[in-house]
Each structure stands twice: as C-alpha cells, then as structure tokens.
Amino acid sequence: MSLLLRCNSLPETGAFYASLPGFSVSPMGREPLVVEGHGCALLFTGTDLWKMPPALSGTLYIAVADVDALWEQVRDRATVAWPLQDMPYGTREFAINDCNGYYVAFQQQD
C-alpha cells in the first residue's frame, strides 16, 4: 500500500526523510515526491488536491526488524512524539513527528 499525503514543502519533506536511516527519496523537484523505506512507500504532493492543509487524524505505523537500533539512530534527528517503549498490545515502538506534522511510528512485534 502507498499513501499520497499533502506536504508543506517538497524540498523540506525530501530532506527530512533523506536524513532518516533506511529511507530513500526520489529526485527532488518532481511530484509526487516518493519516499521509500522499511517496506513502505509514502508519496507527497505540494498541490492542494483536498482544499485543506496537511492533516491526518491518525498515525502512520511502519514495522521494522530492530526498533531499538532505529531508535538510537533517529531520536536526535526528529521531534519525538513518544519515546521507545513496550506497549500493552504487544509491540515495542516509538514515534516521531515529521516536518508536516504527521505522526510516524516505528514498531516491532514482541
């Protein structure tokens, strides 16, 4: 599955995701901006297709093999929404806020 999300700035969004381990970003200046990594693809557009600012009433969850190692690499590169922790529903996870305000959680099954 892929998601198309509105972003505030294609260059800023591309730079943000390119700075995170495990993500690659399509060439800058092209729409949609394609961010791939950890088995998922996120597509970003600067075009106001929905007649509203970037918004999502939820969290994007990405499953990873080693959430502890990723936490050590990411925690100082992004705004942390919640720190690495064991959840009561059986995952170990953390979340960050991306440069558009989206919650992106990385999780590993116990």
N, C-alpha and C. Protein backbone atom coordinates (compact mmCIF):
# COMPACT_ATOMS: atom_id res chain seq x y z
N MET A 1 0.84 -1.16 0.00
CA MET A 1 0.00 0.00 0.00
C MET A 1 0.89 1.24 0.00
N SER A 2 0.45 2.25 -0.69
CA SER A 2 1.11 3.55 -0.70
C SER A 2 0.11 4.62 -0.29
N LEU A 3 0.60 5.67 0.33
CA LEU A 3 -0.24 6.79 0.73
C LEU A 3 0.21 8.05 0.02
N LEU A 4 -0.73 8.86 -0.45
CA LEU A 4 -0.44 10.17 -1.00
C LEU A 4 -0.84 11.19 0.05
N LEU A 5 0.13 11.99 0.49
CA LEU A 5 -0.10 12.96 1.55
C LEU A 5 0.32 14.34 1.08
N ARG A 6 -0.40 15.35 1.51
CA ARG A 6 -0.01 16.71 1.20
C ARG A 6 1.13 17.12 2.12
N CYS A 7 2.05 17.89 1.58
CA CYS A 7 3.14 18.39 2.41
C CYS A 7 3.23 19.91 2.29
N ASN A 8 3.90 20.50 3.25
CA ASN A 8 4.09 21.95 3.25
C ASN A 8 5.13 22.38 2.22
N SER A 9 6.16 21.54 2.04
CA SER A 9 7.26 21.89 1.15
C SER A 9 7.91 20.59 0.66
N LEU A 10 7.96 20.40 -0.65
CA LEU A 10 8.61 19.20 -1.19
C LEU A 10 10.09 19.14 -0.82
N PRO A 11 10.85 20.23 -0.95
CA PRO A 11 12.27 20.15 -0.58
C PRO A 11 12.48 19.84 0.90
N GLU A 12 11.70 20.47 1.78
CA GLU A 12 11.84 20.22 3.21
C GLU A 12 11.46 18.78 3.55
N THR A 13 10.39 18.29 2.96
CA THR A 13 9.95 16.91 3.22
C THR A 13 10.99 15.92 2.71
N GLY A 14 11.51 16.15 1.51
CA GLY A 14 12.54 15.27 0.97
C GLY A 14 13.77 15.24 1.84
N ALA A 15 14.22 16.41 2.29
CA ALA A 15 15.40 16.49 3.15
C ALA A 15 15.16 15.80 4.49
N PHE A 16 13.96 15.96 5.05
CA PHE A 16 13.65 15.33 6.33
C PHE A 16 13.77 13.82 6.23
N TYR A 17 13.10 13.22 5.26
CA TYR A 17 13.11 11.76 5.15
C TYR A 17 14.46 11.23 4.69
N ALA A 18 15.18 11.99 3.87
CA ALA A 18 16.52 11.56 3.44
C ALA A 18 17.48 11.52 4.63
N SER A 19 17.21 12.30 5.66
CA SER A 19 18.08 12.33 6.84
C SER A 19 17.83 11.16 7.79
N LEU A 20 16.75 10.43 7.58
CA LEU A 20 16.42 9.30 8.45
C LEU A 20 17.00 8.01 7.88
N PRO A 21 17.56 7.14 8.72
CA PRO A 21 18.13 5.90 8.22
C PRO A 21 17.07 4.99 7.59
N GLY A 22 17.45 4.37 6.48
CA GLY A 22 16.58 3.38 5.85
C GLY A 22 15.60 3.93 4.84
N PHE A 23 15.60 5.25 4.60
CA PHE A 23 14.69 5.85 3.62
C PHE A 23 15.47 6.38 2.42
N SER A 24 14.86 6.24 1.25
CA SER A 24 15.39 6.88 0.05
C SER A 24 14.31 7.79 -0.50
N VAL A 25 14.74 8.82 -1.20
CA VAL A 25 13.82 9.84 -1.70
C VAL A 25 14.04 9.98 -3.21
N SER A 26 12.94 10.05 -3.96
CA SER A 26 13.04 10.26 -5.41
C SER A 26 13.70 11.60 -5.68
N PRO A 27 14.17 11.81 -6.90
CA PRO A 27 14.83 13.08 -7.22
C PRO A 27 13.96 14.28 -6.84
N MET A 28 14.60 15.26 -6.25
CA MET A 28 13.89 16.46 -5.81
C MET A 28 13.35 17.23 -7.01
N GLY A 29 12.25 17.94 -6.78
CA GLY A 29 11.66 18.76 -7.81
C GLY A 29 10.60 18.05 -8.63
N ARG A 30 10.42 16.77 -8.39
CA ARG A 30 9.39 16.02 -9.12
C ARG A 30 8.23 15.73 -8.19
N GLU A 31 7.02 15.79 -8.75
CA GLU A 31 5.83 15.42 -7.97
C GLU A 31 5.22 14.19 -8.58
N PRO A 32 4.76 13.27 -7.76
CA PRO A 32 4.88 13.32 -6.31
C PRO A 32 6.29 12.97 -5.86
N LEU A 33 6.66 13.46 -4.70
CA LEU A 33 7.91 13.08 -4.06
C LEU A 33 7.69 11.70 -3.48
N VAL A 34 8.53 10.74 -3.83
CA VAL A 34 8.36 9.37 -3.37
C VAL A 34 9.41 9.07 -2.32
N VAL A 35 8.94 8.68 -1.13
CA VAL A 35 9.81 8.29 -0.03
C VAL A 35 9.60 6.80 0.18
N GLU A 36 10.67 6.03 0.08
CA GLU A 36 10.57 4.58 0.26
C GLU A 36 11.53 4.12 1.33
N GLY A 37 11.09 3.12 2.09
CA GLY A 37 11.95 2.54 3.10
C GLY A 37 11.17 1.70 4.08
N HIS A 38 11.86 0.75 4.67
CA HIS A 38 11.26 -0.11 5.68
C HIS A 38 9.99 -0.79 5.16
N GLY A 39 9.99 -1.13 3.86
CA GLY A 39 8.88 -1.87 3.28
C GLY A 39 7.65 -1.05 2.95
N CYS A 40 7.77 0.27 2.93
CA CYS A 40 6.59 1.09 2.61
C CYS A 40 6.98 2.20 1.64
N ALA A 41 5.98 2.83 1.09
CA ALA A 41 6.19 3.98 0.22
C ALA A 41 5.21 5.08 0.62
N LEU A 42 5.73 6.28 0.78
CA LEU A 42 4.91 7.45 1.06
C LEU A 42 5.10 8.40 -0.11
N LEU A 43 4.02 8.90 -0.64
CA LEU A 43 4.07 9.87 -1.74
C LEU A 43 3.58 11.20 -1.19
N PHE A 44 4.33 12.25 -1.49
CA PHE A 44 3.97 13.58 -1.01
C PHE A 44 3.75 14.51 -2.20
N THR A 45 2.75 15.37 -2.07
CA THR A 45 2.48 16.39 -3.07
C THR A 45 2.36 17.75 -2.38
N GLY A 46 2.81 18.77 -3.06
CA GLY A 46 2.63 20.12 -2.56
C GLY A 46 1.35 20.75 -3.10
N THR A 47 0.70 20.05 -4.01
CA THR A 47 -0.53 20.54 -4.62
C THR A 47 -1.70 20.37 -3.66
N ASP A 48 -2.54 21.36 -3.56
CA ASP A 48 -3.69 21.34 -2.66
C ASP A 48 -4.86 20.59 -3.32
N LEU A 49 -4.74 19.29 -3.40
CA LEU A 49 -5.78 18.46 -4.02
C LEU A 49 -7.05 18.39 -3.19
N TRP A 50 -6.93 18.60 -1.88
CA TRP A 50 -8.04 18.38 -0.96
C TRP A 50 -8.62 19.67 -0.42
N LYS A 51 -8.09 20.80 -0.84
CA LYS A 51 -8.56 22.12 -0.39
C LYS A 51 -8.46 22.28 1.12
N MET A 52 -7.35 21.79 1.68
CA MET A 52 -7.09 21.92 3.12
C MET A 52 -5.60 21.71 3.37
N PRO A 53 -5.10 22.17 4.52
CA PRO A 53 -3.68 21.98 4.83
C PRO A 53 -3.37 20.51 5.13
N PRO A 54 -2.08 20.15 5.18
CA PRO A 54 -1.73 18.78 5.53
C PRO A 54 -2.35 18.37 6.86
N ALA A 55 -3.01 17.22 6.87
CA ALA A 55 -3.65 16.74 8.10
C ALA A 55 -3.91 15.25 7.99
N LEU A 56 -3.83 14.58 9.12
CA LEU A 56 -4.16 13.16 9.21
C LEU A 56 -4.56 12.90 10.65
N SER A 57 -5.74 12.38 10.85
CA SER A 57 -6.19 12.10 12.21
C SER A 57 -5.83 10.66 12.57
N GLY A 58 -4.55 10.39 12.56
CA GLY A 58 -4.08 9.05 12.87
C GLY A 58 -2.57 9.02 12.88
N THR A 59 -2.03 7.81 12.89
CA THR A 59 -0.60 7.58 12.94
C THR A 59 -0.20 6.63 11.83
N LEU A 60 0.90 6.92 11.16
CA LEU A 60 1.45 6.02 10.16
C LEU A 60 2.38 5.04 10.88
N TYR A 61 2.07 3.76 10.86
CA TYR A 61 2.88 2.75 11.53
C TYR A 61 3.74 2.02 10.52
N ILE A 62 5.03 1.89 10.83
CA ILE A 62 5.97 1.19 9.97
C ILE A 62 6.63 0.10 10.79
N ALA A 63 6.51 -1.15 10.35
CA ALA A 63 7.11 -2.29 11.05
C ALA A 63 8.59 -2.38 10.67
N VAL A 64 9.44 -2.54 11.66
CA VAL A 64 10.88 -2.65 11.44
C VAL A 64 11.41 -3.88 12.18
N ALA A 65 12.56 -4.36 11.74
CA ALA A 65 13.15 -5.57 12.34
C ALA A 65 13.83 -5.29 13.68
N ASP A 66 14.45 -4.11 13.83
CA ASP A 66 15.19 -3.80 15.06
C ASP A 66 14.85 -2.38 15.50
N VAL A 67 13.77 -2.23 16.23
CA VAL A 67 13.29 -0.91 16.64
C VAL A 67 14.26 -0.24 17.61
N ASP A 68 14.96 -1.02 18.42
CA ASP A 68 15.92 -0.43 19.37
C ASP A 68 17.06 0.26 18.62
N ALA A 69 17.61 -0.40 17.61
CA ALA A 69 18.70 0.19 16.83
C ALA A 69 18.21 1.43 16.09
N LEU A 70 17.02 1.37 15.52
CA LEU A 70 16.48 2.52 14.80
C LEU A 70 16.25 3.69 15.74
N TRP A 71 15.76 3.42 16.94
CA TRP A 71 15.55 4.46 17.95
C TRP A 71 16.86 5.21 18.22
N GLU A 72 17.95 4.48 18.38
CA GLU A 72 19.24 5.11 18.65
C GLU A 72 19.68 6.01 17.50
N GLN A 73 19.31 5.67 16.29
CA GLN A 73 19.69 6.45 15.12
C GLN A 73 18.78 7.64 14.87
N VAL A 74 17.53 7.56 15.29
CA VAL A 74 16.52 8.57 14.93
C VAL A 74 16.23 9.58 16.04
N ARG A 75 16.39 9.20 17.28
CA ARG A 75 15.87 10.01 18.39
C ARG A 75 16.41 11.44 18.44
N ASP A 76 17.59 11.68 17.93
CA ASP A 76 18.13 13.04 17.93
C ASP A 76 17.98 13.74 16.58
N ARG A 77 17.31 13.10 15.62
CA ARG A 77 17.16 13.68 14.28
C ARG A 77 15.75 14.20 14.02
N ALA A 78 14.82 13.95 14.92
CA ALA A 78 13.42 14.35 14.70
C ALA A 78 12.77 14.65 16.04
N THR A 79 11.63 15.31 15.98
CA THR A 79 10.85 15.57 17.18
C THR A 79 10.18 14.26 17.60
N VAL A 80 10.42 13.84 18.82
CA VAL A 80 9.88 12.58 19.32
C VAL A 80 8.45 12.81 19.81
N ALA A 81 7.51 12.03 19.27
CA ALA A 81 6.12 12.10 19.71
C ALA A 81 5.92 11.26 20.96
N TRP A 82 6.50 10.06 20.97
CA TRP A 82 6.60 9.26 22.18
C TRP A 82 7.85 8.41 22.09
N PRO A 83 8.52 8.22 23.23
CA PRO A 83 9.80 7.51 23.23
C PRO A 83 9.62 6.00 23.09
N LEU A 84 10.73 5.34 22.87
CA LEU A 84 10.73 3.88 22.76
C LEU A 84 10.13 3.26 24.01
N GLN A 85 9.16 2.37 23.81
CA GLN A 85 8.50 1.73 24.95
C GLN A 85 7.79 0.45 24.51
N ASP A 86 7.55 -0.40 25.49
CA ASP A 86 6.77 -1.61 25.27
C ASP A 86 5.31 -1.26 25.49
N MET A 87 4.49 -1.60 24.51
CA MET A 87 3.08 -1.26 24.57
C MET A 87 2.27 -2.45 25.10
N PRO A 88 1.13 -2.20 25.74
CA PRO A 88 0.33 -3.29 26.29
C PRO A 88 -0.26 -4.22 25.23
N TYR A 89 -0.28 -3.77 23.97
CA TYR A 89 -0.84 -4.59 22.90
C TYR A 89 0.23 -5.42 22.18
N GLY A 90 1.44 -5.51 22.77
CA GLY A 90 2.43 -6.46 22.29
C GLY A 90 3.46 -5.95 21.31
N THR A 91 3.65 -4.64 21.21
CA THR A 91 4.70 -4.12 20.34
C THR A 91 5.68 -3.29 21.15
N ARG A 92 6.84 -3.12 20.60
CA ARG A 92 7.83 -2.18 21.12
C ARG A 92 7.93 -1.11 20.05
N GLU A 93 7.76 0.15 20.44
CA GLU A 93 7.64 1.19 19.42
C GLU A 93 8.03 2.57 19.93
N PHE A 94 8.22 3.47 18.98
CA PHE A 94 8.38 4.89 19.25
C PHE A 94 7.78 5.63 18.06
N ALA A 95 7.56 6.93 18.24
CA ALA A 95 7.00 7.72 17.14
C ALA A 95 7.69 9.08 17.08
N ILE A 96 7.73 9.61 15.88
CA ILE A 96 8.25 10.94 15.64
C ILE A 96 7.18 11.77 14.92
N ASN A 97 7.37 13.08 14.94
CA ASN A 97 6.56 13.98 14.12
C ASN A 97 7.43 14.37 12.94
N ASP A 98 6.89 14.22 11.73
CA ASP A 98 7.67 14.65 10.58
C ASP A 98 7.52 16.16 10.39
N CYS A 99 8.16 16.70 9.38
CA CYS A 99 8.17 18.15 9.17
C CYS A 99 6.82 18.71 8.73
N ASN A 100 5.84 17.84 8.46
CA ASN A 100 4.50 18.27 8.08
C ASN A 100 3.49 18.09 9.21
N GLY A 101 3.96 17.56 10.35
CA GLY A 101 3.08 17.33 11.48
C GLY A 101 2.49 15.93 11.54
N TYR A 102 2.87 15.05 10.61
CA TYR A 102 2.37 13.68 10.63
C TYR A 102 3.07 12.87 11.72
N TYR A 103 2.32 12.01 12.40
CA TYR A 103 2.89 11.07 13.36
C TYR A 103 3.34 9.84 12.59
N VAL A 104 4.62 9.48 12.76
CA VAL A 104 5.17 8.29 12.12
C VAL A 104 5.74 7.41 13.23
N ALA A 105 5.13 6.24 13.40
CA ALA A 105 5.56 5.32 14.45
C ALA A 105 6.31 4.15 13.84
N PHE A 106 7.35 3.72 14.53
CA PHE A 106 8.13 2.55 14.13
C PHE A 106 7.94 1.50 15.20
N GLN A 107 7.55 0.30 14.78
CA GLN A 107 7.22 -0.73 15.76
C GLN A 107 7.82 -2.08 15.38
N GLN A 108 8.00 -2.87 16.43
CA GLN A 108 8.50 -4.24 16.31
C GLN A 108 7.61 -5.11 17.17
N GLN A 109 7.17 -6.23 16.60
CA GLN A 109 6.36 -7.18 17.37
C GLN A 109 7.24 -7.84 18.43
N ASP A 110 6.67 -8.12 19.61
CA ASP A 110 7.42 -8.83 20.67
C ASP A 110 7.69 -10.26 20.24
